[in-house]
């Protein structure tokens, strides 16, 4: 979650107009809400009925990186705005504590169905392509996971070699 806002905010700050700066911190929750809407359409639609009858289970959306990295934003930004059924939020301990202290326990994820699309359209009008943002974040994420995997495999191979006396 925070990676989306960090990336979008960087683009908004590069332009620096009042309208651009006012839009900071709004992309991640809007993007997740739109994704949740699409998720609902897929898993409540006719295409999934037959699969559900055959025993298929719905895969729940998972909100990750939900600690707020920007200290100017509320520390429960990615929790308060994403409360809804059939989701998972991987909050770190500090965010859980903050939510218990001053979070708002109410369904927000789909409370205003048009707001998310309107917010993303406003970002597009400001010249922010969410497709470009999410494509970049996807590529960065894949590279990071691949590097971690390669490192893990090298460590295993080194230990295997040591045990085999190589």
C-alpha atoms as a PDB file:
ATOM      1  CA  UNK A   1       0.000   0.000   0.000  1.00  0.00           C
ATOM      2  CA  UNK A   2       2.561   2.566   1.059  1.00  0.00           C
ATOM      3  CA  UNK A   3       4.701   1.831  -2.012  1.00  0.00           C
ATOM      4  CA  UNK A   4       1.847   3.008  -4.257  1.00  0.00           C
ATOM      5  CA  UNK A   5       1.510   6.319  -2.451  1.00  0.00           C
ATOM      6  CA  UNK A   6       5.288   6.774  -2.280  1.00  0.00           C
ATOM      7  CA  UNK A   7       5.595   6.309  -6.034  1.00  0.00           C
ATOM      8  CA  UNK A   8       2.618   8.515  -6.891  1.00  0.00           C
ATOM      9  CA  UNK A   9       3.646  11.181  -4.380  1.00  0.00           C
ATOM     10  CA  UNK A  10       7.112  11.370  -5.947  1.00  0.00           C
ATOM     11  CA  UNK A  11       5.499  12.047  -9.323  1.00  0.00           C
ATOM     12  CA  UNK A  12       3.101  14.634  -7.869  1.00  0.00           C
ATOM     13  CA  UNK A  13       5.904  16.439  -6.034  1.00  0.00           C
ATOM     14  CA  UNK A  14       7.980  16.579  -9.216  1.00  0.00           C
ATOM     15  CA  UNK A  15       5.295  18.803 -10.734  1.00  0.00           C
ATOM     16  CA  UNK A  16       4.711  20.647  -7.472  1.00  0.00           C
ATOM     17  CA  UNK A  17       1.544  22.609  -8.263  1.00  0.00           C
ATOM     18  CA  UNK A  18      -1.013  23.104  -5.506  1.00  0.00           C
ATOM     19  CA  UNK A  19      -3.381  20.620  -7.168  1.00  0.00           C
ATOM     20  CA  UNK A  20      -0.626  18.026  -7.468  1.00  0.00           C
ATOM     21  CA  UNK A  21       0.508  18.447  -3.871  1.00  0.00           C
ATOM     22  CA  UNK A  22      -3.077  18.250  -2.602  1.00  0.00           C
ATOM     23  CA  UNK A  23      -3.477  14.824  -4.240  1.00  0.00           C
ATOM     24  CA  UNK A  24      -0.631  13.222  -2.273  1.00  0.00           C
ATOM     25  CA  UNK A  25      -1.493  10.238  -0.124  1.00  0.00           C
ATOM     26  CA  UNK A  26      -4.693   9.403  -1.976  1.00  0.00           C
ATOM     27  CA  UNK A  27      -3.699   6.880  -4.637  1.00  0.00           C
ATOM     28  CA  UNK A  28      -3.073   3.703  -2.657  1.00  0.00           C
ATOM     29  CA  UNK A  29      -6.416   3.463  -0.885  1.00  0.00           C
ATOM     30  CA  UNK A  30      -8.307   4.470  -4.038  1.00  0.00           C
ATOM     31  CA  UNK A  31      -6.402   1.870  -6.068  1.00  0.00           C
ATOM     32  CA  UNK A  32      -7.114  -0.848  -3.482  1.00  0.00           C
ATOM     33  CA  UNK A  33     -10.797   0.087  -3.321  1.00  0.00           C
ATOM     34  CA  UNK A  34     -11.070  -0.172  -7.084  1.00  0.00           C
ATOM     35  CA  UNK A  35      -9.295  -3.539  -6.994  1.00  0.00           C
ATOM     36  CA  UNK A  36     -11.781  -4.676  -4.329  1.00  0.00           C
ATOM     37  CA  UNK A  37     -14.672  -3.647  -6.541  1.00  0.00           C
ATOM     38  CA  UNK A  38     -13.256  -5.726  -9.397  1.00  0.00           C
ATOM     39  CA  UNK A  39     -12.646  -8.613  -6.991  1.00  0.00           C
ATOM     40  CA  UNK A  40     -16.320  -8.458  -5.972  1.00  0.00           C
ATOM     41  CA  UNK A  41     -17.455  -8.493  -9.583  1.00  0.00           C
ATOM     42  CA  UNK A  42     -15.303 -11.521 -10.376  1.00  0.00           C
ATOM     43  CA  UNK A  43     -16.145 -13.658  -7.360  1.00  0.00           C
ATOM     44  CA  UNK A  44     -19.858 -12.839  -7.217  1.00  0.00           C
ATOM     45  CA  UNK A  45     -20.342 -13.030 -10.962  1.00  0.00           C
ATOM     46  CA  UNK A  46     -21.827 -15.837 -13.012  1.00  0.00           C
ATOM     47  CA  UNK A  47     -18.414 -17.117 -14.121  1.00  0.00           C
ATOM     48  CA  UNK A  48     -17.553 -18.118 -10.553  1.00  0.00           C
ATOM     49  CA  UNK A  49     -20.905 -19.716  -9.640  1.00  0.00           C
ATOM     50  CA  UNK A  50     -20.027 -23.036 -11.263  1.00  0.00           C
ATOM     51  CA  UNK A  51     -16.566 -23.045  -9.717  1.00  0.00           C
ATOM     52  CA  UNK A  52     -18.002 -22.292  -6.259  1.00  0.00           C
ATOM     53  CA  UNK A  53     -20.507 -25.133  -6.677  1.00  0.00           C
ATOM     54  CA  UNK A  54     -17.570 -27.437  -7.446  1.00  0.00           C
ATOM     55  CA  UNK A  55     -15.864 -26.433  -4.194  1.00  0.00           C
ATOM     56  CA  UNK A  56     -13.680 -23.536  -5.300  1.00  0.00           C
ATOM     57  CA  UNK A  57     -12.905 -20.973  -2.638  1.00  0.00           C
ATOM     58  CA  UNK A  58     -12.634 -17.260  -3.044  1.00  0.00           C
ATOM     59  CA  UNK A  59      -9.097 -15.915  -2.802  1.00  0.00           C
ATOM     60  CA  UNK A  60      -9.221 -12.905  -0.493  1.00  0.00           C
ATOM     61  CA  UNK A  61      -7.452  -9.643  -1.313  1.00  0.00           C
ATOM     62  CA  UNK A  62      -4.436  -9.005   0.879  1.00  0.00           C
ATOM     63  CA  UNK A  63      -3.403  -5.468   1.803  1.00  0.00           C
ATOM     64  CA  UNK A  64       0.347  -5.449   2.443  1.00  0.00           C
ATOM     65  CA  UNK A  65       2.835  -2.807   3.511  1.00  0.00           C
ATOM     66  CA  UNK A  66       0.106  -1.090   5.498  1.00  0.00           C
ATOM     67  CA  UNK A  67       2.301   0.810   7.890  1.00  0.00           C
ATOM     68  CA  UNK A  68       2.297   4.470   6.964  1.00  0.00           C
ATOM     69  CA  UNK A  69       5.777   5.471   5.808  1.00  0.00           C
ATOM     70  CA  UNK A  70       5.088   9.182   5.373  1.00  0.00           C
ATOM     71  CA  UNK A  71       4.891  10.799   8.824  1.00  0.00           C
ATOM     72  CA  UNK A  72       2.618  13.502   7.398  1.00  0.00           C
ATOM     73  CA  UNK A  73      -0.128  10.899   6.898  1.00  0.00           C
ATOM     74  CA  UNK A  74      -2.314   9.304   9.575  1.00  0.00           C
ATOM     75  CA  UNK A  75      -0.657   6.209  11.012  1.00  0.00           C
ATOM     76  CA  UNK A  76      -3.794   4.156  10.297  1.00  0.00           C
ATOM     77  CA  UNK A  77      -4.361   5.455   6.754  1.00  0.00           C
ATOM     78  CA  UNK A  78      -4.075   2.003   5.169  1.00  0.00           C
ATOM     79  CA  UNK A  79      -6.255   0.373   7.809  1.00  0.00           C
ATOM     80  CA  UNK A  80      -9.129   2.806   8.338  1.00  0.00           C
ATOM     81  CA  UNK A  81      -9.706   3.126   4.597  1.00  0.00           C
ATOM     82  CA  UNK A  82      -9.656  -0.594   3.785  1.00  0.00           C
ATOM     83  CA  UNK A  83     -12.039  -2.268   6.214  1.00  0.00           C
ATOM     84  CA  UNK A  84     -14.368  -4.719   4.557  1.00  0.00           C
ATOM     85  CA  UNK A  85     -15.345  -8.362   4.332  1.00  0.00           C
ATOM     86  CA  UNK A  86     -13.164 -11.134   2.977  1.00  0.00           C
ATOM     87  CA  UNK A  87      -9.866  -9.236   3.104  1.00  0.00           C
ATOM     88  CA  UNK A  88      -6.554  -9.662   4.913  1.00  0.00           C
ATOM     89  CA  UNK A  89      -4.471  -6.755   6.206  1.00  0.00           C
ATOM     90  CA  UNK A  90      -0.879  -7.598   7.153  1.00  0.00           C
ATOM     91  CA  UNK A  91      -0.378  -4.865   9.723  1.00  0.00           C
ATOM     92  CA  UNK A  92       2.874  -4.552  11.634  1.00  0.00           C
ATOM     93  CA  UNK A  93       2.607  -4.381  15.424  1.00  0.00           C
ATOM     94  CA  UNK A  94       2.937  -0.565  15.555  1.00  0.00           C
ATOM     95  CA  UNK A  95      -0.006  -0.180  13.173  1.00  0.00           C
ATOM     96  CA  UNK A  96      -2.114  -2.641  15.153  1.00  0.00           C
ATOM     97  CA  UNK A  97      -1.382  -0.683  18.323  1.00  0.00           C
ATOM     98  CA  UNK A  98      -2.219   2.605  16.612  1.00  0.00           C
ATOM     99  CA  UNK A  99      -5.475   1.193  15.273  1.00  0.00           C
ATOM    100  CA  UNK A 100      -6.448  -0.158  18.684  1.00  0.00           C
ATOM    101  CA  UNK A 101      -5.700   3.261  20.149  1.00  0.00           C
ATOM    102  CA  UNK A 102      -7.443   5.538  17.649  1.00  0.00           C
ATOM    103  CA  UNK A 103      -8.587   3.619  14.582  1.00  0.00           C
ATOM    104  CA  UNK A 104     -12.140   3.687  13.340  1.00  0.00           C
ATOM    105  CA  UNK A 105     -13.821   0.283  13.200  1.00  0.00           C
ATOM    106  CA  UNK A 106     -16.360   0.694  10.432  1.00  0.00           C
ATOM    107  CA  UNK A 107     -16.774  -0.715   6.964  1.00  0.00           C
ATOM    108  CA  UNK A 108     -15.051   1.694   4.601  1.00  0.00           C
ATOM    109  CA  UNK A 109     -13.723  -0.388   1.731  1.00  0.00           C
ATOM    110  CA  UNK A 110     -16.867  -0.179  -0.362  1.00  0.00           C
ATOM    111  CA  UNK A 111     -18.750   2.607   1.439  1.00  0.00           C
ATOM    112  CA  UNK A 112     -18.500   5.036  -1.506  1.00  0.00           C
ATOM    113  CA  UNK A 113     -18.197   2.962  -4.674  1.00  0.00           C
ATOM    114  CA  UNK A 114     -17.604   5.894  -7.016  1.00  0.00           C
ATOM    115  CA  UNK A 115     -15.033   7.735  -4.891  1.00  0.00           C
ATOM    116  CA  UNK A 116     -12.137   5.438  -5.805  1.00  0.00           C
ATOM    117  CA  UNK A 117     -12.734   5.689  -9.545  1.00  0.00           C
ATOM    118  CA  UNK A 118     -13.163   9.465  -9.234  1.00  0.00           C
ATOM    119  CA  UNK A 119      -9.909   9.762  -7.266  1.00  0.00           C
ATOM    120  CA  UNK A 120      -7.951   7.739  -9.823  1.00  0.00           C
ATOM    121  CA  UNK A 121      -9.509   9.728 -12.686  1.00  0.00           C
ATOM    122  CA  UNK A 122      -8.413  12.937 -10.945  1.00  0.00           C
ATOM    123  CA  UNK A 123      -4.867  11.598 -10.720  1.00  0.00           C
ATOM    124  CA  UNK A 124      -4.941  10.727 -14.427  1.00  0.00           C
ATOM    125  CA  UNK A 125      -6.037  14.313 -15.159  1.00  0.00           C
ATOM    126  CA  UNK A 126      -2.996  15.475 -13.206  1.00  0.00           C
ATOM    127  CA  UNK A 127      -0.825  13.357 -15.487  1.00  0.00           C
ATOM    128  CA  UNK A 128      -0.343  10.394 -13.158  1.00  0.00           C
ATOM    129  CA  UNK A 129      -0.751   7.071 -14.925  1.00  0.00           C
ATOM    130  CA  UNK A 130      -1.692   4.397 -12.422  1.00  0.00           C
ATOM    131  CA  UNK A 131      -0.904   1.804 -15.073  1.00  0.00           C
ATOM    132  CA  UNK A 132       2.665   3.149 -15.256  1.00  0.00           C
ATOM    133  CA  UNK A 133       2.910   3.287 -11.452  1.00  0.00           C
ATOM    134  CA  UNK A 134       1.637  -0.246 -10.906  1.00  0.00           C
ATOM    135  CA  UNK A 135       3.688  -1.649 -13.804  1.00  0.00           C
ATOM    136  CA  UNK A 136       6.825  -0.117 -12.276  1.00  0.00           C
ATOM    137  CA  UNK A 137       6.008  -1.420  -8.806  1.00  0.00           C
ATOM    138  CA  UNK A 138       5.271  -4.881 -10.191  1.00  0.00           C
ATOM    139  CA  UNK A 139       8.597  -4.998 -12.034  1.00  0.00           C
ATOM    140  CA  UNK A 140      10.454  -3.746  -8.929  1.00  0.00           C
ATOM    141  CA  UNK A 141       8.711  -6.344  -6.769  1.00  0.00           C
ATOM    142  CA  UNK A 142       9.499  -9.197  -9.136  1.00  0.00           C
ATOM    143  CA  UNK A 143      13.162  -8.119  -9.265  1.00  0.00           C
ATOM    144  CA  UNK A 144      13.339  -7.974  -5.465  1.00  0.00           C
ATOM    145  CA  UNK A 145      11.751 -11.410  -5.020  1.00  0.00           C
ATOM    146  CA  UNK A 146      13.985 -12.894  -7.732  1.00  0.00           C
ATOM    147  CA  UNK A 147      17.092 -11.450  -6.058  1.00  0.00           C
ATOM    148  CA  UNK A 148      15.996 -12.872  -2.690  1.00  0.00           C
ATOM    149  CA  UNK A 149      15.354 -16.249  -4.284  1.00  0.00           C
ATOM    150  CA  UNK A 150      18.753 -16.251  -5.990  1.00  0.00           C
ATOM    151  CA  UNK A 151      20.420 -15.350  -2.697  1.00  0.00           C
ATOM    152  CA  UNK A 152      18.556 -18.134  -0.902  1.00  0.00           C
ATOM    153  CA  UNK A 153      19.545 -20.678  -3.552  1.00  0.00           C
ATOM    154  CA  UNK A 154      23.207 -19.586  -3.368  1.00  0.00           C
ATOM    155  CA  UNK A 155      23.162 -19.947   0.428  1.00  0.00           C
ATOM    156  CA  UNK A 156      21.632 -23.420   0.188  1.00  0.00           C
ATOM    157  CA  UNK A 157      24.186 -24.449  -2.443  1.00  0.00           C
ATOM    158  CA  UNK A 158      27.062 -23.119  -0.320  1.00  0.00           C
ATOM    159  CA  UNK A 159      25.835 -25.033   2.751  1.00  0.00           C
ATOM    160  CA  UNK A 160      25.268 -28.147   0.678  1.00  0.00           C
ATOM    161  CA  UNK A 161      28.792 -27.865  -0.669  1.00  0.00           C
ATOM    162  CA  UNK A 162      30.200 -27.391   2.823  1.00  0.00           C
ATOM    163  CA  UNK A 163      28.355 -30.462   4.092  1.00  0.00           C
ATOM    164  CA  UNK A 164      29.546 -32.491   1.116  1.00  0.00           C
ATOM    165  CA  UNK A 165      33.128 -31.415   1.779  1.00  0.00           C
ATOM    166  CA  UNK A 166      33.481 -29.336  -1.395  1.00  0.00           C
END
